C-alpha atoms as a PDB file:
ATOM      1  CA  MET A   1      23.479 -14.264  24.311  1.00  0.00           C
ATOM      2  CA  ALA A   2      25.082 -16.476  26.752  1.00  0.00           C
ATOM      3  CA  PHE A   3      26.791 -19.534  25.153  1.00  0.00           C
ATOM      4  CA  LEU A   4      27.759 -22.364  27.370  1.00  0.00           C
ATOM      5  CA  ASN A   5      30.793 -24.366  26.416  1.00  0.00           C
ATOM      6  CA  TYR A   6      30.635 -23.631  22.712  1.00  0.00           C
ATOM      7  CA  SER A   7      33.754 -23.480  20.631  1.00  0.00           C
ATOM      8  CA  PRO A   8      34.668 -19.928  19.347  1.00  0.00           C
ATOM      9  CA  ASN A   9      33.658 -20.866  15.820  1.00  0.00           C
ATOM     10  CA  VAL A  10      30.198 -22.010  16.898  1.00  0.00           C
ATOM     11  CA  LYS A  11      29.878 -18.963  19.033  1.00  0.00           C
ATOM     12  CA  ASN A  12      30.823 -16.672  16.094  1.00  0.00           C
ATOM     13  CA  GLU A  13      28.305 -18.489  13.809  1.00  0.00           C
ATOM     14  CA  LEU A  14      25.518 -18.072  16.446  1.00  0.00           C
ATOM     15  CA  ASP A  15      26.365 -14.447  17.006  1.00  0.00           C
ATOM     16  CA  ALA A  16      26.268 -13.942  13.219  1.00  0.00           C
ATOM     17  CA  LEU A  17      22.932 -15.803  12.973  1.00  0.00           C
ATOM     18  CA  GLU A  18      21.505 -13.695  15.838  1.00  0.00           C
ATOM     19  CA  HIS A  19      22.581 -10.460  14.108  1.00  0.00           C
ATOM     20  CA  LYS A  20      20.998 -11.671  10.812  1.00  0.00           C
ATOM     21  CA  LEU A  21      17.787 -12.592  12.541  1.00  0.00           C
ATOM     22  CA  GLY A  22      17.624  -9.156  14.190  1.00  0.00           C
ATOM     23  CA  GLN A  23      18.056  -7.528  10.726  1.00  0.00           C
ATOM     24  CA  LEU A  24      15.304  -9.802   9.313  1.00  0.00           C
ATOM     25  CA  VAL A  25      12.926  -8.842  12.161  1.00  0.00           C
ATOM     26  CA  ARG A  26      13.559  -5.049  11.688  1.00  0.00           C
ATOM     27  CA  LEU A  27      13.208  -5.476   7.907  1.00  0.00           C
ATOM     28  CA  SER A  28       9.914  -7.344   8.407  1.00  0.00           C
ATOM     29  CA  GLN A  29       8.652  -4.581  10.729  1.00  0.00           C
ATOM     30  CA  ARG A  30       9.546  -1.810   8.408  1.00  0.00           C
ATOM     31  CA  LEU A  31       7.965  -3.630   5.432  1.00  0.00           C
ATOM     32  CA  ARG A  32       4.742  -4.150   7.521  1.00  0.00           C
ATOM     33  CA  SER A  33       4.631  -0.524   8.376  1.00  0.00           C
ATOM     34  CA  GLU A  34       5.282   0.428   4.776  1.00  0.00           C
ATOM     35  CA  ASN A  35       2.505  -1.970   3.559  1.00  0.00           C
ATOM     36  CA  HIS A  36       0.089  -0.460   5.931  1.00  0.00           C
ATOM     37  CA  GLN A  37       0.854   3.068   4.721  1.00  0.00           C
ATOM     38  CA  LEU A  38       0.511   1.917   1.044  1.00  0.00           C
ATOM     39  CA  ARG A  39      -2.822   0.211   1.784  1.00  0.00           C
ATOM     40  CA  GLN A  40      -4.127   3.402   3.425  1.00  0.00           C
ATOM     41  CA  ALA A  41      -2.874   5.590   0.395  1.00  0.00           C
ATOM     42  CA  LEU A  42      -4.485   3.133  -2.051  1.00  0.00           C
ATOM     43  CA  ALA A  43      -7.827   3.206  -0.202  1.00  0.00           C
ATOM     44  CA  GLU A  44      -7.788   7.072  -0.285  1.00  0.00           C
ATOM     45  CA  ILE A  45      -7.069   7.062  -4.019  1.00  0.00           C
ATOM     46  CA  GLU A  46      -9.721   4.502  -4.679  1.00  0.00           C
ATOM     47  CA  SER A  47     -12.272   6.690  -2.835  1.00  0.00           C
ATOM     48  CA  LYS A  48     -11.196   9.728  -4.792  1.00  0.00           C
ATOM     49  CA  HIS A  49     -11.498   7.800  -8.042  1.00  0.00           C
ATOM     50  CA  ARG A  50     -14.940   6.663  -7.104  1.00  0.00           C
ATOM     51  CA  GLN A  51     -15.851  10.307  -6.554  1.00  0.00           C
ATOM     52  CA  CYS A  52     -14.529  11.404  -9.887  1.00  0.00           C
ATOM     53  CA  ASP A  53     -16.509   8.557 -11.582  1.00  0.00           C
ATOM     54  CA  ASP A  54     -19.627   9.764  -9.799  1.00  0.00           C
ATOM     55  CA  LYS A  55     -18.919  13.325 -10.957  1.00  0.00           C
ATOM     56  CA  ILE A  56     -18.418  12.153 -14.570  1.00  0.00           C
ATOM     57  CA  THR A  57     -21.597  10.145 -14.432  1.00  0.00           C
ATOM     58  CA  ALA A  58     -23.621  13.023 -13.145  1.00  0.00           C
ATOM     59  CA  ALA A  59     -22.108  15.410 -15.764  1.00  0.00           C
ATOM     60  CA  LYS A  60     -22.868  12.948 -18.530  1.00  0.00           C
ATOM     61  CA  THR A  61     -26.507  12.659 -17.383  1.00  0.00           C
ATOM     62  CA  ARG A  62     -26.828  16.438 -17.368  1.00  0.00           C
ATOM     63  CA  LEU A  63     -25.280  16.667 -20.817  1.00  0.00           C
ATOM     64  CA  GLN A  64     -27.613  14.106 -22.247  1.00  0.00           C
ATOM     65  CA  LYS A  65     -30.667  16.002 -20.765  1.00  0.00           C
ATOM     66  CA  LEU A  66     -29.342  19.164 -22.339  1.00  0.00           C
ATOM     67  CA  LEU A  67     -28.849  17.577 -25.701  1.00  0.00           C
ATOM     68  CA  VAL A  68     -32.444  16.359 -25.727  1.00  0.00           C
ATOM     69  CA  GLN A  69     -33.633  19.835 -25.195  1.00  0.00           C
ATOM     70  CA  LEU A  70     -31.653  21.361 -28.072  1.00  0.00           C
ATOM     71  CA  PRO A  71     -33.775  22.061 -31.198  1.00  0.00           C
ATOM     72  CA  GLU A  72     -32.926  19.855 -34.086  1.00  0.00           C
ATOM     73  CA  ASP A  73     -31.478  21.452 -37.300  1.00  0.00           C
ATOM     74  CA  SER A  74     -33.484  21.003 -40.353  1.00  0.00           C
END
């Protein structure tokens, strides 16, 4: 960065601030990417969870139908 007529202390502070800002931008980009990946993984897990719930419901319905068909013990 070009600093015009700044004292060495101000220039050093501005350099440090520029460096910290660059770190913050990189961290923000990394976290956005990680957040996107986590959202995708969560969506996939939620979909699998719904599929499992559907299978459990279907199995429960089949079992209930079978139980109705069993003869009662006297």
